[in-house]
Amino acid sequence: MRDDEFRERVRTWLEDNLTGEFAALRGLGGPGREHEAFAERVAWERHLAAAGWNCLGWPAEHGGAGATLEQQVIFHEEYARARAPARVSHLGQELLGPTLIAFGTPAQQRRFLPPIRDVEELWCQGYSEPGAGSDLAAVSTSAALDGDEWVVTGQKVWTSLAHVADWCFVLARTEPGSARHHGLSYLLVPLRQPGVEVRPIRQLTGTSEFNEVFFDGARTARDLVVGAPGDGWRVALGTLAFERGVATLGQQVGFRRELRALTEEAEAGGAARDPAIAERLARAWAGLEVMRAHAVRTLGDTAPGVAEVSKLVWANWHRALGELAMLVRGAASLVAEAEPYELDEWQRLYLFSRADTLYGGSNEIQRNIIAERVLGLPREARP
């Protein structure tokens, strides 16, 4: 099928199916708004799965559609243009699924890939810890074998959607006395069991999609380690590489929509007559064009530094857009929509985009990786 035919097929299906009970879901969900119509969005995503639109990039032998990179980009762009609701199973479909396909055993693939594809089990990512955020190699959560089970003890933090997830892929230290990236293992841990406590973290936006997860003797089967025990660092890096894939081009469609709406707001309210604001709106447009050109040029490129540059580009651009929105709105940006703390879309954008330069690896860590691994500069001194 030609790409233009595939695009028309996606667009037509979305138009025909974002109707009836699903029509009200347009534009709902996403960063800072994951609480919106969550159960209904799960139902929508199962509807997508039944029609074969989930896991497009997975190979057909693993239940996917075997779509090309170009087709995956087309789907994400059309999905964003249709303002279809934010996905609820991104972590399973886009991160864990490809990781299991690349590193998992046949038994793990048979057990976990079908319920991910069919949106029957939801996943979260157990990487960051209070003392190991962007410095992932410093994790201290431990796991020890007890017969046929791993016993997991420790704390994870900033765990997106853990409060609704069934499972968590956890990076844990399984070799006592090991340090840094040595002695880590990548475990699949069920969350609905004794020994697991999930505590939501209330954010500046008033929402709570991030969580702390406490493991106090939680258990998982011995064979639910992805890759060999002690080889978790390599597997974890593989997952991080999948994190910044073709979906970013769909994300940019949403960015373009935000910029267009902000430009219209500035023109309607008169802020665009301010030369400084007009210049920043123009720079935002140019930055978005550069972002897309970079994403298209590097699509599928796994060379060191590519993912880090991409993260720096989009995160800083989006944070700057939130700041620009406050300038455009002026004094109105300081007043909540209603009691006790109801925010408008621009206030939510400003507040939540502060996190863009932190989650998924902070700006400082991204720059260190580029400096040390790509440019060959001396490593930063570590305590």
Foldseek 3Di string as FASTA:
>chain_A
DDLVVLLVVLLVVLVVPCDDPNVVQQQADDFPGPVPPVVVLLVVLLVCLVVQNALQCDDVVLPHVVDDQSSVLSNLQSCLVSSGHDHQACCVRQFVLVLCVVFNDPVVSVPRSVCSSNVVFHEKEFFADPVPFLQRQADAWAWEDDDFKIWTFDKGWQIFQPVPGQKYFHWHAYDPPDGGLFRIWTFIFGQPDPQWDWAFDQFPLRDTRIIMIGGGRGIDGNSRIGHDGGNHSVSVVVSLLSVQASSVSSVLSVVVVLLVVLVVLLVVVVVCVPVVLVVVSVVLVVLSVVLVVLCVVCHVPPPFLSSLVNLVSVLVSQLVSLVSSCVSVDPVLVDAPDPPHHHDPSVSSNRSSVCSCRHSHHNVRSVQRCCCVPVVHDHDDDD
